[in-house]
Amino acid sequence: MSEQHLTMTRAERLAALLERLVAAGKIDVEPAADQFGVSAATIRRDLDHLADQQLLTRTHGGAVPNTTSYDLPLRYKSANRGEAKTRIAQRAVQMMWPGCTISLNGGTTTVEIARAIPTVEALRHGITVVTNAINIATELTVRPFIKIVVCGGVARPQSYELVGSIAAETLGRLSPDICFLGATGLDAEGGITTYDESEAAINRVMVTQAKRTVVVVDSSKIGTVGFCRICNVEEVSTILTDSNADPEAIARLRETGVEVIQA
């Protein structure tokens, strides 16, 4: 049992259980209890809680994935790799300038970027944020120096993103200076990917319309290939990740000609 697991909150444990489920294809109560340093009864309650929210299917002695387990709500992802996401966000806001226009899709890393914007004194002179993520729009609307542009569309409860033809039509009329693009997978050959085709379609519009695209992913996403491709690595300007990324994977990405920055 690690020191990290000793200090893990319930929200962090729930997120870790879901990640373990996706990676291993199942969860057994007793090994999970040993891994997280809690009782088997606690793990059973956690799994029951996640099953009640239709995030997994309970079995005798554990749980298996269901159709939503690969597309988990942000509230369970948000606690994971928080420090790395914060470093990425702090580096991302250094790429902005007063009066610039940026776009942000949904995701825990782009949420951290949105939260970092008000901490930069220079950006308080004014900045425009285009987003299809209603949670990001909600957080930034209270900032009078940030102009928020939100597209319409159908809201996805897993990611709080607006998708569909209405969203595509709105975003297709705008040309931000920089798109900060979150993703669930990044691979030199597999490209930039996500698990939902409707999100991939909207994200592709955002990439196409922006003058520059910066992919923002923590190192756990590198080498992962999701179900739906947003775009190829060669179609973006920069990849911004954390310093824990595998050096070989970073080298392969740089061979494509893309700029890679590690925060």
C-alpha atoms as a PDB file:
ATOM      1  CA  MET A   1       0.000   0.000   0.000  1.00  0.00           C
ATOM      2  CA  SER A   2       1.527   3.312  -1.114  1.00  0.00           C
ATOM      3  CA  GLU A   3       1.531   6.601   0.749  1.00  0.00           C
ATOM      4  CA  GLN A   4      -0.564   8.041  -2.088  1.00  0.00           C
ATOM      5  CA  HIS A   5      -3.325   5.529  -1.408  1.00  0.00           C
ATOM      6  CA  LEU A   6      -3.212   6.330   2.301  1.00  0.00           C
ATOM      7  CA  THR A   7      -4.130   9.950   1.537  1.00  0.00           C
ATOM      8  CA  MET A   8      -6.527   9.246  -1.329  1.00  0.00           C
ATOM      9  CA  THR A   9      -9.965  10.840  -1.063  1.00  0.00           C
ATOM     10  CA  ARG A  10     -13.084   8.936  -2.018  1.00  0.00           C
ATOM     11  CA  ALA A  11     -13.432  10.918  -5.249  1.00  0.00           C
ATOM     12  CA  GLU A  12      -9.856  10.029  -6.178  1.00  0.00           C
ATOM     13  CA  ARG A  13     -10.484   6.373  -5.313  1.00  0.00           C
ATOM     14  CA  LEU A  14     -13.626   6.279  -7.466  1.00  0.00           C
ATOM     15  CA  ALA A  15     -11.688   7.761 -10.383  1.00  0.00           C
ATOM     16  CA  ALA A  16      -8.873   5.255  -9.876  1.00  0.00           C
ATOM     17  CA  LEU A  17     -11.337   2.354  -9.730  1.00  0.00           C
ATOM     18  CA  LEU A  18     -12.854   3.413 -13.043  1.00  0.00           C
ATOM     19  CA  GLU A  19      -9.426   3.745 -14.644  1.00  0.00           C
ATOM     20  CA  ARG A  20      -8.480   0.298 -13.360  1.00  0.00           C
ATOM     21  CA  LEU A  21     -11.713  -1.060 -14.807  1.00  0.00           C
ATOM     22  CA  VAL A  22     -10.992   0.398 -18.248  1.00  0.00           C
ATOM     23  CA  ALA A  23      -7.387  -0.827 -18.213  1.00  0.00           C
ATOM     24  CA  ALA A  24      -7.981  -4.343 -16.870  1.00  0.00           C
ATOM     25  CA  GLY A  25     -11.491  -5.061 -18.131  1.00  0.00           C
ATOM     26  CA  LYS A  26     -12.755  -5.992 -14.660  1.00  0.00           C
ATOM     27  CA  ILE A  27     -12.392  -5.262 -10.967  1.00  0.00           C
ATOM     28  CA  ASP A  28     -12.195  -7.877  -8.211  1.00  0.00           C
ATOM     29  CA  VAL A  29     -13.095  -6.608  -4.757  1.00  0.00           C
ATOM     30  CA  GLU A  30     -10.347  -8.204  -2.680  1.00  0.00           C
ATOM     31  CA  PRO A  31      -7.350  -7.195  -4.860  1.00  0.00           C
ATOM     32  CA  ALA A  32      -8.797  -3.682  -5.179  1.00  0.00           C
ATOM     33  CA  ALA A  33      -9.144  -3.432  -1.402  1.00  0.00           C
ATOM     34  CA  ASP A  34      -5.506  -4.433  -1.004  1.00  0.00           C
ATOM     35  CA  GLN A  35      -4.387  -1.973  -3.673  1.00  0.00           C
ATOM     36  CA  PHE A  36      -6.206   1.003  -2.190  1.00  0.00           C
ATOM     37  CA  GLY A  37      -5.642   0.135   1.466  1.00  0.00           C
ATOM     38  CA  VAL A  38      -9.322   0.020   2.405  1.00  0.00           C
ATOM     39  CA  SER A  39     -11.728  -2.706   3.437  1.00  0.00           C
ATOM     40  CA  ALA A  40     -13.532  -4.974   0.989  1.00  0.00           C
ATOM     41  CA  ALA A  41     -16.791  -3.485   2.267  1.00  0.00           C
ATOM     42  CA  THR A  42     -15.610  -0.009   1.250  1.00  0.00           C
ATOM     43  CA  ILE A  43     -14.782  -1.194  -2.270  1.00  0.00           C
ATOM     44  CA  ARG A  44     -18.187  -2.886  -2.532  1.00  0.00           C
ATOM     45  CA  ARG A  45     -19.893   0.372  -1.540  1.00  0.00           C
ATOM     46  CA  ASP A  46     -17.785   2.256  -4.086  1.00  0.00           C
ATOM     47  CA  LEU A  47     -18.724  -0.189  -6.837  1.00  0.00           C
ATOM     48  CA  ASP A  48     -22.393  -0.069  -5.858  1.00  0.00           C
ATOM     49  CA  HIS A  49     -22.230   3.732  -6.016  1.00  0.00           C
ATOM     50  CA  LEU A  50     -20.686   3.661  -9.500  1.00  0.00           C
ATOM     51  CA  ALA A  51     -23.175   1.037 -10.644  1.00  0.00           C
ATOM     52  CA  ASP A  52     -26.068   3.214  -9.445  1.00  0.00           C
ATOM     53  CA  GLN A  53     -24.764   5.902 -11.801  1.00  0.00           C
ATOM     54  CA  GLN A  54     -24.541   3.360 -14.647  1.00  0.00           C
ATOM     55  CA  LEU A  55     -20.779   3.671 -14.920  1.00  0.00           C
ATOM     56  CA  LEU A  56     -20.140  -0.054 -14.549  1.00  0.00           C
ATOM     57  CA  THR A  57     -21.963  -3.359 -14.089  1.00  0.00           C
ATOM     58  CA  ARG A  58     -21.688  -5.181 -10.774  1.00  0.00           C
ATOM     59  CA  THR A  59     -20.804  -8.857 -10.738  1.00  0.00           C
ATOM     60  CA  HIS A  60     -20.412 -11.386  -7.949  1.00  0.00           C
ATOM     61  CA  GLY A  61     -17.152 -10.305  -6.342  1.00  0.00           C
ATOM     62  CA  GLY A  62     -16.487  -7.246  -8.455  1.00  0.00           C
ATOM     63  CA  ALA A  63     -17.503  -5.316 -11.570  1.00  0.00           C
ATOM     64  CA  VAL A  64     -17.137  -5.247 -15.355  1.00  0.00           C
ATOM     65  CA  PRO A  65     -17.394  -2.378 -17.843  1.00  0.00           C
ATOM     66  CA  ASN A  66     -20.619  -1.312 -19.466  1.00  0.00           C
ATOM     67  CA  THR A  67     -21.137   0.902 -22.503  1.00  0.00           C
ATOM     68  CA  THR A  68     -20.284   4.102 -20.605  1.00  0.00           C
ATOM     69  CA  SER A  69     -17.181   2.938 -18.792  1.00  0.00           C
ATOM     70  CA  TYR A  70     -14.903   4.170 -21.581  1.00  0.00           C
ATOM     71  CA  ASP A  71     -16.474   7.629 -21.509  1.00  0.00           C
ATOM     72  CA  LEU A  72     -16.444   8.631 -17.876  1.00  0.00           C
ATOM     73  CA  PRO A  73     -17.983  11.825 -16.469  1.00  0.00           C
ATOM     74  CA  LEU A  74     -15.540  14.618 -15.709  1.00  0.00           C
ATOM     75  CA  ARG A  75     -16.367  14.664 -12.017  1.00  0.00           C
ATOM     76  CA  TYR A  76     -14.614  11.305 -11.657  1.00  0.00           C
ATOM     77  CA  LYS A  77     -11.677  12.218 -13.880  1.00  0.00           C
ATOM     78  CA  SER A  78     -10.952  15.600 -12.362  1.00  0.00           C
ATOM     79  CA  ALA A  79      -8.926  14.364  -9.389  1.00  0.00           C
ATOM     80  CA  ASN A  80      -6.559  12.281 -11.515  1.00  0.00           C
ATOM     81  CA  ARG A  81      -3.087  13.683 -12.349  1.00  0.00           C
ATOM     82  CA  GLY A  82      -4.104  17.057 -10.982  1.00  0.00           C
ATOM     83  CA  GLU A  83      -0.570  18.361 -10.504  1.00  0.00           C
ATOM     84  CA  ALA A  84       0.424  17.556 -14.093  1.00  0.00           C
ATOM     85  CA  LYS A  85      -2.717  19.202 -15.455  1.00  0.00           C
ATOM     86  CA  THR A  86      -2.002  22.310 -13.387  1.00  0.00           C
ATOM     87  CA  ARG A  87       1.525  22.571 -14.796  1.00  0.00           C
ATOM     88  CA  ILE A  88       0.189  22.164 -18.320  1.00  0.00           C
ATOM     89  CA  ALA A  89      -2.406  24.880 -17.681  1.00  0.00           C
ATOM     90  CA  GLN A  90       0.191  27.295 -16.319  1.00  0.00           C
ATOM     91  CA  ARG A  91       2.311  26.804 -19.416  1.00  0.00           C
ATOM     92  CA  ALA A  92      -0.710  27.140 -21.721  1.00  0.00           C
ATOM     93  CA  VAL A  93      -1.709  30.567 -20.424  1.00  0.00           C
ATOM     94  CA  GLN A  94       1.827  31.788 -21.158  1.00  0.00           C
ATOM     95  CA  MET A  95       0.991  31.291 -24.846  1.00  0.00           C
ATOM     96  CA  MET A  96      -1.885  33.793 -24.632  1.00  0.00           C
ATOM     97  CA  TRP A  97      -1.770  37.588 -24.903  1.00  0.00           C
ATOM     98  CA  PRO A  98      -4.170  40.460 -24.192  1.00  0.00           C
ATOM     99  CA  GLY A  99      -6.867  40.607 -26.841  1.00  0.00           C
ATOM    100  CA  CYS A 100      -6.254  37.114 -28.196  1.00  0.00           C
ATOM    101  CA  THR A 101      -9.020  34.679 -29.072  1.00  0.00           C
ATOM    102  CA  ILE A 102      -8.787  31.066 -27.980  1.00  0.00           C
ATOM    103  CA  SER A 103     -11.009  28.011 -28.188  1.00  0.00           C
ATOM    104  CA  LEU A 104     -11.328  25.270 -25.580  1.00  0.00           C
ATOM    105  CA  ASN A 105     -13.068  21.949 -25.972  1.00  0.00           C
ATOM    106  CA  GLY A 106     -14.242  19.914 -23.001  1.00  0.00           C
ATOM    107  CA  GLY A 107     -11.955  17.978 -20.662  1.00  0.00           C
ATOM    108  CA  THR A 108     -10.241  18.182 -17.311  1.00  0.00           C
ATOM    109  CA  THR A 109      -7.052  19.722 -18.713  1.00  0.00           C
ATOM    110  CA  THR A 110      -8.894  22.435 -20.639  1.00  0.00           C
ATOM    111  CA  VAL A 111     -10.905  23.193 -17.484  1.00  0.00           C
ATOM    112  CA  GLU A 112      -7.615  23.801 -15.671  1.00  0.00           C
ATOM    113  CA  ILE A 113      -6.526  26.131 -18.476  1.00  0.00           C
ATOM    114  CA  ALA A 114      -9.769  28.081 -18.124  1.00  0.00           C
ATOM    115  CA  ARG A 115      -9.197  28.390 -14.373  1.00  0.00           C
ATOM    116  CA  ALA A 116      -5.629  29.614 -14.930  1.00  0.00           C
ATOM    117  CA  ILE A 117      -6.613  32.492 -17.237  1.00  0.00           C
ATOM    118  CA  PRO A 118      -7.758  34.871 -14.438  1.00  0.00           C
ATOM    119  CA  THR A 119      -4.463  34.337 -12.579  1.00  0.00           C
ATOM    120  CA  VAL A 120      -2.505  36.129 -15.339  1.00  0.00           C
ATOM    121  CA  GLU A 121      -2.551  39.880 -14.833  1.00  0.00           C
ATOM    122  CA  ALA A 122      -1.915  40.719 -18.492  1.00  0.00           C
ATOM    123  CA  LEU A 123      -4.943  38.723 -19.647  1.00  0.00           C
ATOM    124  CA  ARG A 124      -7.226  40.827 -17.479  1.00  0.00           C
ATOM    125  CA  HIS A 125      -7.066  43.487 -20.186  1.00  0.00           C
ATOM    126  CA  GLY A 126      -9.381  41.284 -22.217  1.00  0.00           C
ATOM    127  CA  ILE A 127      -9.501  37.907 -23.913  1.00  0.00           C
ATOM    128  CA  THR A 128     -12.123  35.995 -25.900  1.00  0.00           C
ATOM    129  CA  VAL A 129     -12.818  32.337 -25.169  1.00  0.00           C
ATOM    130  CA  VAL A 130     -14.819  30.197 -27.598  1.00  0.00           C
ATOM    131  CA  THR A 131     -15.979  26.916 -26.120  1.00  0.00           C
ATOM    132  CA  ASN A 132     -18.420  24.076 -26.630  1.00  0.00           C
ATOM    133  CA  ALA A 133     -18.057  23.057 -22.961  1.00  0.00           C
ATOM    134  CA  ILE A 134     -20.849  24.420 -20.797  1.00  0.00           C
ATOM    135  CA  ASN A 135     -18.914  23.908 -17.555  1.00  0.00           C
ATOM    136  CA  ILE A 136     -16.040  26.057 -18.867  1.00  0.00           C
ATOM    137  CA  ALA A 137     -18.476  28.739 -20.000  1.00  0.00           C
ATOM    138  CA  THR A 138     -20.117  28.738 -16.562  1.00  0.00           C
ATOM    139  CA  GLU A 139     -16.779  29.168 -14.769  1.00  0.00           C
ATOM    140  CA  LEU A 140     -15.612  32.042 -16.960  1.00  0.00           C
ATOM    141  CA  THR A 141     -18.865  33.983 -17.390  1.00  0.00           C
ATOM    142  CA  VAL A 142     -18.370  35.630 -13.992  1.00  0.00           C
ATOM    143  CA  ARG A 143     -15.091  37.170 -15.227  1.00  0.00           C
ATOM    144  CA  PRO A 144     -16.000  40.547 -16.804  1.00  0.00           C
ATOM    145  CA  PHE A 145     -12.736  40.797 -18.741  1.00  0.00           C
ATOM    146  CA  ILE A 146     -13.362  37.481 -20.542  1.00  0.00           C
ATOM    147  CA  LYS A 147     -15.732  37.468 -23.505  1.00  0.00           C
ATOM    148  CA  ILE A 148     -17.381  34.053 -23.720  1.00  0.00           C
ATOM    149  CA  VAL A 149     -18.680  32.680 -27.007  1.00  0.00           C
ATOM    150  CA  VAL A 150     -20.670  29.462 -26.643  1.00  0.00           C
ATOM    151  CA  CYS A 151     -22.049  27.396 -29.497  1.00  0.00           C
ATOM    152  CA  GLY A 152     -25.445  25.737 -29.382  1.00  0.00           C
ATOM    153  CA  GLY A 153     -25.944  22.026 -29.729  1.00  0.00           C
ATOM    154  CA  VAL A 154     -26.826  18.886 -27.818  1.00  0.00           C
ATOM    155  CA  ALA A 155     -25.184  18.564 -24.396  1.00  0.00           C
ATOM    156  CA  ARG A 156     -23.330  15.353 -23.543  1.00  0.00           C
ATOM    157  CA  PRO A 157     -23.560  14.687 -19.778  1.00  0.00           C
ATOM    158  CA  GLN A 158     -20.288  12.735 -19.737  1.00  0.00           C
ATOM    159  CA  SER A 159     -18.136  15.655 -20.866  1.00  0.00           C
ATOM    160  CA  TYR A 160     -20.470  18.689 -20.672  1.00  0.00           C
ATOM    161  CA  GLU A 161     -19.691  19.333 -24.352  1.00  0.00           C
ATOM    162  CA  LEU A 162     -22.181  20.650 -26.898  1.00  0.00           C
ATOM    163  CA  VAL A 163     -22.148  18.583 -30.081  1.00  0.00           C
ATOM    164  CA  GLY A 164     -24.129  18.150 -33.280  1.00  0.00           C
ATOM    165  CA  SER A 165     -24.894  20.190 -36.383  1.00  0.00           C
ATOM    166  CA  ILE A 166     -25.812  23.389 -34.527  1.00  0.00           C
ATOM    167  CA  ALA A 167     -22.474  23.374 -32.710  1.00  0.00           C
ATOM    168  CA  ALA A 168     -20.599  22.640 -35.923  1.00  0.00           C
ATOM    169  CA  GLU A 169     -22.337  25.462 -37.782  1.00  0.00           C
ATOM    170  CA  THR A 170     -21.507  28.029 -35.095  1.00  0.00           C
ATOM    171  CA  LEU A 171     -17.900  26.978 -34.599  1.00  0.00           C
ATOM    172  CA  GLY A 172     -17.384  26.820 -38.360  1.00  0.00           C
ATOM    173  CA  ARG A 173     -17.915  30.582 -38.564  1.00  0.00           C
ATOM    174  CA  LEU A 174     -15.178  31.464 -36.063  1.00  0.00           C
ATOM    175  CA  SER A 175     -11.380  31.548 -36.407  1.00  0.00           C
ATOM    176  CA  PRO A 176      -9.658  31.740 -33.001  1.00  0.00           C
ATOM    177  CA  ASP A 177      -5.968  32.479 -32.694  1.00  0.00           C
ATOM    178  CA  ILE A 178      -5.298  29.283 -30.745  1.00  0.00           C
ATOM    179  CA  CYS A 179      -7.305  26.125 -30.124  1.00  0.00           C
ATOM    180  CA  PHE A 180      -6.303  24.351 -26.922  1.00  0.00           C
ATOM    181  CA  LEU A 181      -7.463  20.827 -27.639  1.00  0.00           C
ATOM    182  CA  GLY A 182      -7.914  18.183 -24.966  1.00  0.00           C
ATOM    183  CA  ALA A 183      -8.032  14.537 -26.035  1.00  0.00           C
ATOM    184  CA  THR A 184      -8.256  11.037 -24.592  1.00  0.00           C
ATOM    185  CA  GLY A 185      -5.507   9.655 -26.792  1.00  0.00           C
ATOM    186  CA  LEU A 186      -2.362  10.887 -28.538  1.00  0.00           C
ATOM    187  CA  ASP A 187      -0.143   8.682 -30.658  1.00  0.00           C
ATOM    188  CA  ALA A 188       2.357   9.459 -33.419  1.00  0.00           C
ATOM    189  CA  GLU A 189       0.693   6.964 -35.777  1.00  0.00           C
ATOM    190  CA  GLY A 190      -2.835   6.835 -34.360  1.00  0.00           C
ATOM    191  CA  GLY A 191      -3.252  10.598 -34.170  1.00  0.00           C
ATOM    192  CA  ILE A 192      -5.306  12.621 -31.706  1.00  0.00           C
ATOM    193  CA  THR A 193      -8.351  10.672 -30.620  1.00  0.00           C
ATOM    194  CA  THR A 194     -11.374  10.511 -28.370  1.00  0.00           C
ATOM    195  CA  TYR A 195     -13.975   7.856 -27.568  1.00  0.00           C
ATOM    196  CA  ASP A 196     -17.080   9.548 -28.964  1.00  0.00           C
ATOM    197  CA  GLU A 197     -17.697  10.238 -32.646  1.00  0.00           C
ATOM    198  CA  SER A 198     -19.855  13.323 -32.037  1.00  0.00           C
ATOM    199  CA  GLU A 199     -17.157  14.945 -29.900  1.00  0.00           C
ATOM    200  CA  ALA A 200     -14.509  14.033 -32.459  1.00  0.00           C
ATOM    201  CA  ALA A 201     -16.520  15.730 -35.206  1.00  0.00           C
ATOM    202  CA  ILE A 202     -16.873  19.000 -33.265  1.00  0.00           C
ATOM    203  CA  ASN A 203     -13.250  18.933 -32.137  1.00  0.00           C
ATOM    204  CA  ARG A 204     -12.220  18.499 -35.772  1.00  0.00           C
ATOM    205  CA  VAL A 205     -14.092  21.682 -36.688  1.00  0.00           C
ATOM    206  CA  MET A 206     -12.305  23.535 -33.875  1.00  0.00           C
ATOM    207  CA  VAL A 207      -8.911  22.364 -35.145  1.00  0.00           C
ATOM    208  CA  THR A 208      -9.706  23.291 -38.729  1.00  0.00           C
ATOM    209  CA  GLN A 209     -10.915  26.773 -37.843  1.00  0.00           C
ATOM    210  CA  ALA A 210      -8.106  27.782 -35.475  1.00  0.00           C
ATOM    211  CA  LYS A 211      -4.982  29.521 -36.744  1.00  0.00           C
ATOM    212  CA  ARG A 212      -2.941  27.297 -34.426  1.00  0.00           C
ATOM    213  CA  THR A 213      -3.796  24.181 -32.435  1.00  0.00           C
ATOM    214  CA  VAL A 214      -2.083  23.174 -29.199  1.00  0.00           C
ATOM    215  CA  VAL A 215      -2.953  19.684 -27.980  1.00  0.00           C
ATOM    216  CA  VAL A 216      -3.013  19.612 -24.168  1.00  0.00           C
ATOM    217  CA  VAL A 217      -2.788  16.126 -22.651  1.00  0.00           C
ATOM    218  CA  ASP A 218      -1.143  14.693 -19.578  1.00  0.00           C
ATOM    219  CA  SER A 219       1.443  11.968 -20.125  1.00  0.00           C
ATOM    220  CA  SER A 220      -0.995   9.115 -19.390  1.00  0.00           C
ATOM    221  CA  LYS A 221      -2.758   9.858 -22.698  1.00  0.00           C
ATOM    222  CA  ILE A 222       0.379   9.512 -24.834  1.00  0.00           C
ATOM    223  CA  GLY A 223       0.494   6.193 -26.643  1.00  0.00           C
ATOM    224  CA  THR A 224      -3.268   5.712 -26.264  1.00  0.00           C
ATOM    225  CA  VAL A 225      -5.487   5.454 -29.339  1.00  0.00           C
ATOM    226  CA  GLY A 226      -9.187   6.101 -28.830  1.00  0.00           C
ATOM    227  CA  PHE A 227     -12.097   4.956 -30.967  1.00  0.00           C
ATOM    228  CA  CYS A 228     -12.510   8.156 -33.017  1.00  0.00           C
ATOM    229  CA  ARG A 229      -9.778  10.206 -34.636  1.00  0.00           C
ATOM    230  CA  ILE A 230      -9.976  13.975 -34.339  1.00  0.00           C
ATOM    231  CA  CYS A 231      -7.005  14.644 -36.596  1.00  0.00           C
ATOM    232  CA  ASN A 232      -3.482  13.533 -37.388  1.00  0.00           C
ATOM    233  CA  VAL A 233      -0.535  14.749 -35.345  1.00  0.00           C
ATOM    234  CA  GLU A 234       0.804  16.573 -38.392  1.00  0.00           C
ATOM    235  CA  GLU A 235      -2.332  18.753 -38.458  1.00  0.00           C
ATOM    236  CA  VAL A 236      -1.552  20.491 -35.149  1.00  0.00           C
ATOM    237  CA  SER A 237       1.158  22.988 -34.256  1.00  0.00           C
ATOM    238  CA  THR A 238       2.159  21.980 -30.748  1.00  0.00           C
ATOM    239  CA  ILE A 239       1.748  19.253 -28.162  1.00  0.00           C
ATOM    240  CA  LEU A 240       1.840  20.408 -24.543  1.00  0.00           C
ATOM    241  CA  THR A 241       2.231  17.649 -21.958  1.00  0.00           C
ATOM    242  CA  ASP A 242       3.960  17.045 -18.635  1.00  0.00           C
ATOM    243  CA  SER A 243       7.514  16.032 -17.830  1.00  0.00           C
ATOM    244  CA  ASN A 244       6.556  12.435 -16.960  1.00  0.00           C
ATOM    245  CA  ALA A 245       5.955  11.474 -20.587  1.00  0.00           C
ATOM    246  CA  ASP A 246       7.873   8.501 -21.988  1.00  0.00           C
ATOM    247  CA  PRO A 247      10.992   9.843 -23.785  1.00  0.00           C
ATOM    248  CA  GLU A 248      10.649   7.356 -26.661  1.00  0.00           C
ATOM    249  CA  ALA A 249       7.038   8.368 -27.258  1.00  0.00           C
ATOM    250  CA  ILE A 250       8.049  12.043 -27.208  1.00  0.00           C
ATOM    251  CA  ALA A 251      10.811  11.332 -29.720  1.00  0.00           C
ATOM    252  CA  ARG A 252       8.347   9.625 -32.072  1.00  0.00           C
ATOM    253  CA  LEU A 253       6.021  12.606 -31.844  1.00  0.00           C
ATOM    254  CA  ARG A 254       8.849  15.035 -32.626  1.00  0.00           C
ATOM    255  CA  GLU A 255       9.787  12.956 -35.668  1.00  0.00           C
ATOM    256  CA  THR A 256       6.443  13.953 -37.187  1.00  0.00           C
ATOM    257  CA  GLY A 257       7.611  17.569 -37.141  1.00  0.00           C
ATOM    258  CA  VAL A 258       5.293  18.759 -34.375  1.00  0.00           C
ATOM    259  CA  GLU A 259       6.605  20.935 -31.560  1.00  0.00           C
ATOM    260  CA  VAL A 260       6.493  19.168 -28.181  1.00  0.00           C
ATOM    261  CA  ILE A 261       6.611  21.169 -24.933  1.00  0.00           C
ATOM    262  CA  GLN A 262       6.861  19.459 -21.543  1.00  0.00           C
ATOM    263  CA  ALA A 263       5.703  21.413 -18.502  1.00  0.00           C
END
